[in-house]
């Protein structure tokens, strides 16, 4: 049976390409909402354009922090806007997004981050931060922890809004601040990583899911971050 051209194209779209296409189609439509009535710290509403810009800032911050294409960056958070912002930003940086269940115990988090070799992790609450910091000394690959609920950045732990600000500054100081683009090398395949050790019953798809399109970081983000590193 012959597959229609449109269906072939859709099969080869990456998550990032699909996201950016939606941003172009509905830039001012609300994409993400958090409600205080639902347990969020405060009401929050982001349009598709605002989501893209927040993710670009996170991507630039990661790259300025030394995250390389193919590195694993983990997310340990509940149902909050932080998760999709970080997830898309990780893909924009050319890294691999690794989602960790928010109900995971410290020992499980240690095993999962060790198995996938995460170099950084994003957490949403003080409780999740405490879990990660309690095992961070056993994770030599982990170089950065970004936390939403933090009074001030210290050591390897950075406050979420400070980290986004760092990325936004890198982008603003760059001579190339256009929209990120998806490399033609992005063919829609996803590389997956499964923990190889004993993760206490949380292995593979049941413990950590890692996926990234086979592509490169958008040039504007990569160049802006390189300039930030050179000036630091």
C-alpha atoms as a PDB file:
ATOM      1  CA  UNK A   1       0.000   0.000   0.000  1.00  0.00           C
ATOM      2  CA  UNK A   2       1.292   3.473  -0.866  1.00  0.00           C
ATOM      3  CA  UNK A   3       1.486   5.878   2.075  1.00  0.00           C
ATOM      4  CA  UNK A   4       0.227   9.397   1.231  1.00  0.00           C
ATOM      5  CA  UNK A   5       2.982  12.018   1.117  1.00  0.00           C
ATOM      6  CA  UNK A   6       1.417  13.986   3.991  1.00  0.00           C
ATOM      7  CA  UNK A   7       1.472  10.963   6.272  1.00  0.00           C
ATOM      8  CA  UNK A   8       5.109  10.279   5.366  1.00  0.00           C
ATOM      9  CA  UNK A   9       6.006  13.859   6.290  1.00  0.00           C
ATOM     10  CA  UNK A  10       4.145  13.628   9.594  1.00  0.00           C
ATOM     11  CA  UNK A  11       6.016  10.453  10.506  1.00  0.00           C
ATOM     12  CA  UNK A  12       9.303  12.312  10.019  1.00  0.00           C
ATOM     13  CA  UNK A  13       8.344  15.369  12.067  1.00  0.00           C
ATOM     14  CA  UNK A  14      10.182  15.693  15.352  1.00  0.00           C
ATOM     15  CA  UNK A  15       8.657  16.814  18.624  1.00  0.00           C
ATOM     16  CA  UNK A  16      10.580  20.086  18.368  1.00  0.00           C
ATOM     17  CA  UNK A  17       9.508  20.712  14.768  1.00  0.00           C
ATOM     18  CA  UNK A  18       5.881  20.091  15.702  1.00  0.00           C
ATOM     19  CA  UNK A  19       6.156  22.439  18.675  1.00  0.00           C
ATOM     20  CA  UNK A  20       7.667  25.270  16.637  1.00  0.00           C
ATOM     21  CA  UNK A  21       5.061  24.784  13.933  1.00  0.00           C
ATOM     22  CA  UNK A  22       2.321  25.236  16.537  1.00  0.00           C
ATOM     23  CA  UNK A  23       4.029  28.364  17.876  1.00  0.00           C
ATOM     24  CA  UNK A  24       4.004  29.865  14.382  1.00  0.00           C
ATOM     25  CA  UNK A  25       0.372  28.907  13.845  1.00  0.00           C
ATOM     26  CA  UNK A  26      -1.031  30.234  17.155  1.00  0.00           C
ATOM     27  CA  UNK A  27       1.638  32.486  18.736  1.00  0.00           C
ATOM     28  CA  UNK A  28      -0.712  34.409  21.046  1.00  0.00           C
ATOM     29  CA  UNK A  29      -3.028  31.601  22.093  1.00  0.00           C
ATOM     30  CA  UNK A  30      -2.700  30.361  25.681  1.00  0.00           C
ATOM     31  CA  UNK A  31      -0.672  27.153  25.734  1.00  0.00           C
ATOM     32  CA  UNK A  32       0.033  26.499  29.423  1.00  0.00           C
ATOM     33  CA  UNK A  33      -1.867  27.380  32.574  1.00  0.00           C
ATOM     34  CA  UNK A  34      -1.274  26.792  36.260  1.00  0.00           C
ATOM     35  CA  UNK A  35      -4.001  27.458  38.817  1.00  0.00           C
ATOM     36  CA  UNK A  36      -3.469  28.221  42.492  1.00  0.00           C
ATOM     37  CA  UNK A  37      -6.797  26.513  43.102  1.00  0.00           C
ATOM     38  CA  UNK A  38      -5.258  23.352  41.685  1.00  0.00           C
ATOM     39  CA  UNK A  39      -2.225  23.457  43.952  1.00  0.00           C
ATOM     40  CA  UNK A  40       0.159  25.695  41.987  1.00  0.00           C
ATOM     41  CA  UNK A  41       2.077  28.415  43.879  1.00  0.00           C
ATOM     42  CA  UNK A  42       0.183  31.060  41.879  1.00  0.00           C
ATOM     43  CA  UNK A  43      -1.933  31.435  38.777  1.00  0.00           C
ATOM     44  CA  UNK A  44       0.193  31.357  35.629  1.00  0.00           C
ATOM     45  CA  UNK A  45      -0.700  31.634  31.962  1.00  0.00           C
ATOM     46  CA  UNK A  46       1.739  31.340  29.050  1.00  0.00           C
ATOM     47  CA  UNK A  47       1.089  31.748  25.341  1.00  0.00           C
ATOM     48  CA  UNK A  48       2.813  29.534  22.798  1.00  0.00           C
ATOM     49  CA  UNK A  49       5.301  32.333  22.106  1.00  0.00           C
ATOM     50  CA  UNK A  50       6.056  32.794  25.805  1.00  0.00           C
ATOM     51  CA  UNK A  51       6.564  29.049  26.181  1.00  0.00           C
ATOM     52  CA  UNK A  52       9.009  29.057  23.275  1.00  0.00           C
ATOM     53  CA  UNK A  53      10.969  31.993  24.682  1.00  0.00           C
ATOM     54  CA  UNK A  54      11.172  30.436  28.155  1.00  0.00           C
ATOM     55  CA  UNK A  55      12.409  27.178  26.610  1.00  0.00           C
ATOM     56  CA  UNK A  56      14.963  29.055  24.489  1.00  0.00           C
ATOM     57  CA  UNK A  57      16.264  30.763  27.623  1.00  0.00           C
ATOM     58  CA  UNK A  58      16.550  27.428  29.414  1.00  0.00           C
ATOM     59  CA  UNK A  59      18.363  25.912  26.419  1.00  0.00           C
ATOM     60  CA  UNK A  60      20.835  28.804  26.285  1.00  0.00           C
ATOM     61  CA  UNK A  61      21.487  28.481  30.015  1.00  0.00           C
ATOM     62  CA  UNK A  62      22.166  24.748  29.668  1.00  0.00           C
ATOM     63  CA  UNK A  63      24.615  25.305  26.831  1.00  0.00           C
ATOM     64  CA  UNK A  64      26.374  28.127  28.692  1.00  0.00           C
ATOM     65  CA  UNK A  65      26.624  25.643  31.576  1.00  0.00           C
ATOM     66  CA  UNK A  66      28.565  23.222  29.379  1.00  0.00           C
ATOM     67  CA  UNK A  67      25.774  20.812  28.445  1.00  0.00           C
ATOM     68  CA  UNK A  68      26.704  19.096  25.187  1.00  0.00           C
ATOM     69  CA  UNK A  69      24.620  17.499  22.471  1.00  0.00           C
ATOM     70  CA  UNK A  70      23.565  14.044  23.634  1.00  0.00           C
ATOM     71  CA  UNK A  71      24.011  14.814  27.352  1.00  0.00           C
ATOM     72  CA  UNK A  72      21.168  13.711  29.621  1.00  0.00           C
ATOM     73  CA  UNK A  73      19.211  16.320  31.556  1.00  0.00           C
ATOM     74  CA  UNK A  74      16.596  15.019  33.992  1.00  0.00           C
ATOM     75  CA  UNK A  75      13.284  16.536  35.096  1.00  0.00           C
ATOM     76  CA  UNK A  76      11.783  15.677  38.489  1.00  0.00           C
ATOM     77  CA  UNK A  77       8.559  17.613  38.843  1.00  0.00           C
ATOM     78  CA  UNK A  78       4.823  17.387  39.113  1.00  0.00           C
ATOM     79  CA  UNK A  79       2.175  18.685  36.741  1.00  0.00           C
ATOM     80  CA  UNK A  80       3.552  22.209  36.360  1.00  0.00           C
ATOM     81  CA  UNK A  81       4.555  24.489  33.489  1.00  0.00           C
ATOM     82  CA  UNK A  82       8.179  24.021  34.502  1.00  0.00           C
ATOM     83  CA  UNK A  83       8.099  20.512  33.047  1.00  0.00           C
ATOM     84  CA  UNK A  84       7.183  21.302  29.407  1.00  0.00           C
ATOM     85  CA  UNK A  85       9.351  24.445  29.426  1.00  0.00           C
ATOM     86  CA  UNK A  86      12.358  22.420  30.539  1.00  0.00           C
ATOM     87  CA  UNK A  87      11.534  19.485  28.266  1.00  0.00           C
ATOM     88  CA  UNK A  88      11.408  21.594  25.096  1.00  0.00           C
ATOM     89  CA  UNK A  89      14.458  23.577  26.214  1.00  0.00           C
ATOM     90  CA  UNK A  90      16.473  20.390  26.641  1.00  0.00           C
ATOM     91  CA  UNK A  91      15.604  19.344  23.097  1.00  0.00           C
ATOM     92  CA  UNK A  92      16.503  22.823  21.802  1.00  0.00           C
ATOM     93  CA  UNK A  93      19.925  22.417  23.415  1.00  0.00           C
ATOM     94  CA  UNK A  94      20.398  19.116  21.578  1.00  0.00           C
ATOM     95  CA  UNK A  95      20.393  17.173  24.844  1.00  0.00           C
ATOM     96  CA  UNK A  96      18.302  14.192  25.924  1.00  0.00           C
ATOM     97  CA  UNK A  97      15.337  14.750  28.228  1.00  0.00           C
ATOM     98  CA  UNK A  98      14.974  12.212  31.050  1.00  0.00           C
ATOM     99  CA  UNK A  99      11.750  12.267  33.023  1.00  0.00           C
ATOM    100  CA  UNK A 100      11.829  10.913  36.591  1.00  0.00           C
ATOM    101  CA  UNK A 101       8.638  10.026  38.455  1.00  0.00           C
ATOM    102  CA  UNK A 102       7.903  12.638  41.164  1.00  0.00           C
ATOM    103  CA  UNK A 103       7.014   9.816  43.589  1.00  0.00           C
ATOM    104  CA  UNK A 104      10.506   8.300  43.328  1.00  0.00           C
ATOM    105  CA  UNK A 105      12.421   7.803  46.568  1.00  0.00           C
ATOM    106  CA  UNK A 106      15.988   9.181  46.920  1.00  0.00           C
ATOM    107  CA  UNK A 107      17.542   5.746  46.321  1.00  0.00           C
ATOM    108  CA  UNK A 108      15.498   5.313  43.154  1.00  0.00           C
ATOM    109  CA  UNK A 109      16.443   8.782  41.950  1.00  0.00           C
ATOM    110  CA  UNK A 110      20.104   7.962  42.554  1.00  0.00           C
ATOM    111  CA  UNK A 111      19.884   4.771  40.524  1.00  0.00           C
ATOM    112  CA  UNK A 112      17.967   6.392  37.672  1.00  0.00           C
ATOM    113  CA  UNK A 113      20.265   9.404  37.359  1.00  0.00           C
ATOM    114  CA  UNK A 114      23.301   7.157  37.581  1.00  0.00           C
ATOM    115  CA  UNK A 115      21.972   4.782  34.926  1.00  0.00           C
ATOM    116  CA  UNK A 116      21.224   7.501  32.398  1.00  0.00           C
ATOM    117  CA  UNK A 117      24.298   9.563  33.316  1.00  0.00           C
ATOM    118  CA  UNK A 118      22.409  12.813  33.894  1.00  0.00           C
ATOM    119  CA  UNK A 119      24.619  15.920  34.008  1.00  0.00           C
ATOM    120  CA  UNK A 120      21.829  18.173  35.261  1.00  0.00           C
ATOM    121  CA  UNK A 121      18.377  17.927  36.788  1.00  0.00           C
ATOM    122  CA  UNK A 122      15.425  20.292  37.180  1.00  0.00           C
ATOM    123  CA  UNK A 123      13.159  19.986  40.231  1.00  0.00           C
ATOM    124  CA  UNK A 124      10.022  21.874  41.192  1.00  0.00           C
ATOM    125  CA  UNK A 125       9.586  21.687  44.974  1.00  0.00           C
ATOM    126  CA  UNK A 126      11.759  21.912  48.065  1.00  0.00           C
ATOM    127  CA  UNK A 127      10.947  18.268  48.849  1.00  0.00           C
ATOM    128  CA  UNK A 128      12.194  17.109  45.435  1.00  0.00           C
ATOM    129  CA  UNK A 129      15.314  19.241  45.859  1.00  0.00           C
ATOM    130  CA  UNK A 130      16.020  17.603  49.208  1.00  0.00           C
ATOM    131  CA  UNK A 131      15.741  14.153  47.629  1.00  0.00           C
ATOM    132  CA  UNK A 132      18.274  15.032  44.942  1.00  0.00           C
ATOM    133  CA  UNK A 133      20.754  16.835  47.211  1.00  0.00           C
ATOM    134  CA  UNK A 134      20.716  13.889  49.608  1.00  0.00           C
ATOM    135  CA  UNK A 135      22.196  11.630  46.915  1.00  0.00           C
ATOM    136  CA  UNK A 136      24.062  14.159  44.744  1.00  0.00           C
ATOM    137  CA  UNK A 137      27.424  13.232  46.313  1.00  0.00           C
ATOM    138  CA  UNK A 138      26.961   9.735  44.855  1.00  0.00           C
ATOM    139  CA  UNK A 139      26.445  11.069  41.324  1.00  0.00           C
ATOM    140  CA  UNK A 140      29.771  12.239  39.867  1.00  0.00           C
ATOM    141  CA  UNK A 141      28.198  13.095  36.508  1.00  0.00           C
ATOM    142  CA  UNK A 142      25.635  15.463  38.053  1.00  0.00           C
ATOM    143  CA  UNK A 143      27.013  18.998  37.702  1.00  0.00           C
ATOM    144  CA  UNK A 144      23.912  21.164  38.010  1.00  0.00           C
ATOM    145  CA  UNK A 145      20.629  21.183  39.941  1.00  0.00           C
ATOM    146  CA  UNK A 146      18.010  23.764  38.969  1.00  0.00           C
ATOM    147  CA  UNK A 147      15.238  24.273  41.521  1.00  0.00           C
ATOM    148  CA  UNK A 148      12.042  26.294  41.272  1.00  0.00           C
ATOM    149  CA  UNK A 149      11.486  26.679  45.016  1.00  0.00           C
ATOM    150  CA  UNK A 150      14.799  28.080  46.213  1.00  0.00           C
ATOM    151  CA  UNK A 151      15.593  31.292  48.066  1.00  0.00           C
ATOM    152  CA  UNK A 152      19.012  31.805  46.486  1.00  0.00           C
ATOM    153  CA  UNK A 153      21.437  30.004  44.185  1.00  0.00           C
ATOM    154  CA  UNK A 154      24.325  28.265  45.937  1.00  0.00           C
ATOM    155  CA  UNK A 155      26.984  25.790  44.821  1.00  0.00           C
ATOM    156  CA  UNK A 156      25.737  23.524  42.046  1.00  0.00           C
ATOM    157  CA  UNK A 157      22.123  24.474  42.853  1.00  0.00           C
ATOM    158  CA  UNK A 158      20.637  27.307  40.812  1.00  0.00           C
ATOM    159  CA  UNK A 159      17.270  28.960  41.206  1.00  0.00           C
ATOM    160  CA  UNK A 160      14.979  28.333  38.214  1.00  0.00           C
ATOM    161  CA  UNK A 161      14.217  31.977  37.505  1.00  0.00           C
ATOM    162  CA  UNK A 162      17.896  32.936  37.840  1.00  0.00           C
ATOM    163  CA  UNK A 163      18.826  30.183  35.408  1.00  0.00           C
ATOM    164  CA  UNK A 164      16.244  31.348  32.869  1.00  0.00           C
ATOM    165  CA  UNK A 165      17.525  34.887  33.333  1.00  0.00           C
ATOM    166  CA  UNK A 166      21.053  33.728  32.595  1.00  0.00           C
ATOM    167  CA  UNK A 167      19.893  32.163  29.355  1.00  0.00           C
ATOM    168  CA  UNK A 168      17.810  35.184  28.371  1.00  0.00           C
ATOM    169  CA  UNK A 169      20.815  37.452  28.927  1.00  0.00           C
ATOM    170  CA  UNK A 170      22.975  35.234  26.744  1.00  0.00           C
ATOM    171  CA  UNK A 171      20.396  35.412  23.966  1.00  0.00           C
ATOM    172  CA  UNK A 172      19.926  39.171  24.313  1.00  0.00           C
ATOM    173  CA  UNK A 173      23.671  39.808  24.063  1.00  0.00           C
ATOM    174  CA  UNK A 174      24.006  37.689  20.953  1.00  0.00           C
ATOM    175  CA  UNK A 175      24.043  39.229  17.520  1.00  0.00           C
ATOM    176  CA  UNK A 176      21.842  36.367  16.373  1.00  0.00           C
ATOM    177  CA  UNK A 177      18.540  36.275  18.235  1.00  0.00           C
ATOM    178  CA  UNK A 178      16.171  34.888  15.595  1.00  0.00           C
ATOM    179  CA  UNK A 179      13.814  32.006  16.186  1.00  0.00           C
ATOM    180  CA  UNK A 180      15.490  28.639  16.739  1.00  0.00           C
ATOM    181  CA  UNK A 181      15.414  26.345  13.767  1.00  0.00           C
ATOM    182  CA  UNK A 182      15.431  22.611  13.428  1.00  0.00           C
ATOM    183  CA  UNK A 183      18.436  21.193  11.616  1.00  0.00           C
ATOM    184  CA  UNK A 184      17.809  19.258   8.441  1.00  0.00           C
ATOM    185  CA  UNK A 185      19.575  16.402  10.206  1.00  0.00           C
ATOM    186  CA  UNK A 186      16.530  15.969  12.477  1.00  0.00           C
ATOM    187  CA  UNK A 187      14.953  12.912  10.922  1.00  0.00           C
ATOM    188  CA  UNK A 188      12.320  12.222  13.543  1.00  0.00           C
ATOM    189  CA  UNK A 189      14.085   9.254  15.131  1.00  0.00           C
ATOM    190  CA  UNK A 190      14.360   9.257  18.902  1.00  0.00           C
ATOM    191  CA  UNK A 191      17.260   7.845  20.862  1.00  0.00           C
ATOM    192  CA  UNK A 192      16.079   6.179  24.047  1.00  0.00           C
ATOM    193  CA  UNK A 193      18.077   5.319  27.135  1.00  0.00           C
ATOM    194  CA  UNK A 194      17.128   2.650  29.627  1.00  0.00           C
ATOM    195  CA  UNK A 195      18.755   2.169  33.032  1.00  0.00           C
ATOM    196  CA  UNK A 196      21.108  -0.777  32.886  1.00  0.00           C
ATOM    197  CA  UNK A 197      21.333  -1.532  36.582  1.00  0.00           C
ATOM    198  CA  UNK A 198      18.963  -2.532  39.321  1.00  0.00           C
ATOM    199  CA  UNK A 199      16.733   0.492  39.900  1.00  0.00           C
ATOM    200  CA  UNK A 200      14.555  -1.100  42.506  1.00  0.00           C
ATOM    201  CA  UNK A 201      11.920  -2.153  40.002  1.00  0.00           C
ATOM    202  CA  UNK A 202      11.925   1.187  38.155  1.00  0.00           C
ATOM    203  CA  UNK A 203      13.849   0.301  35.010  1.00  0.00           C
ATOM    204  CA  UNK A 204      13.312   1.264  31.406  1.00  0.00           C
ATOM    205  CA  UNK A 205       9.986   2.807  30.510  1.00  0.00           C
ATOM    206  CA  UNK A 206       8.652   2.314  34.031  1.00  0.00           C
ATOM    207  CA  UNK A 207      11.417   4.323  35.677  1.00  0.00           C
ATOM    208  CA  UNK A 208      12.899   6.908  33.360  1.00  0.00           C
ATOM    209  CA  UNK A 209      11.999   7.842  29.810  1.00  0.00           C
ATOM    210  CA  UNK A 210      14.631   9.570  27.713  1.00  0.00           C
ATOM    211  CA  UNK A 211      14.097  10.833  24.179  1.00  0.00           C
ATOM    212  CA  UNK A 212      15.570  13.398  21.841  1.00  0.00           C
ATOM    213  CA  UNK A 213      15.349  14.009  18.103  1.00  0.00           C
ATOM    214  CA  UNK A 214      18.606  13.336  16.229  1.00  0.00           C
ATOM    215  CA  UNK A 215      19.550  16.963  15.663  1.00  0.00           C
ATOM    216  CA  UNK A 216      21.702  19.863  16.759  1.00  0.00           C
ATOM    217  CA  UNK A 217      21.113  22.852  18.985  1.00  0.00           C
ATOM    218  CA  UNK A 218      19.672  25.872  17.168  1.00  0.00           C
ATOM    219  CA  UNK A 219      22.558  28.085  16.010  1.00  0.00           C
ATOM    220  CA  UNK A 220      21.258  31.235  17.692  1.00  0.00           C
ATOM    221  CA  UNK A 221      21.130  29.502  21.065  1.00  0.00           C
ATOM    222  CA  UNK A 222      24.491  27.763  20.691  1.00  0.00           C
ATOM    223  CA  UNK A 223      26.261  30.951  19.573  1.00  0.00           C
ATOM    224  CA  UNK A 224      24.713  33.091  22.306  1.00  0.00           C
ATOM    225  CA  UNK A 225      25.767  30.604  24.957  1.00  0.00           C
ATOM    226  CA  UNK A 226      29.297  30.423  23.548  1.00  0.00           C
ATOM    227  CA  UNK A 227      29.588  34.214  23.797  1.00  0.00           C
ATOM    228  CA  UNK A 228      28.368  34.061  27.396  1.00  0.00           C
ATOM    229  CA  UNK A 229      31.018  31.470  28.253  1.00  0.00           C
ATOM    230  CA  UNK A 230      33.748  33.557  26.624  1.00  0.00           C
ATOM    231  CA  UNK A 231      32.800  36.658  28.613  1.00  0.00           C
ATOM    232  CA  UNK A 232      32.560  34.876  31.967  1.00  0.00           C
END
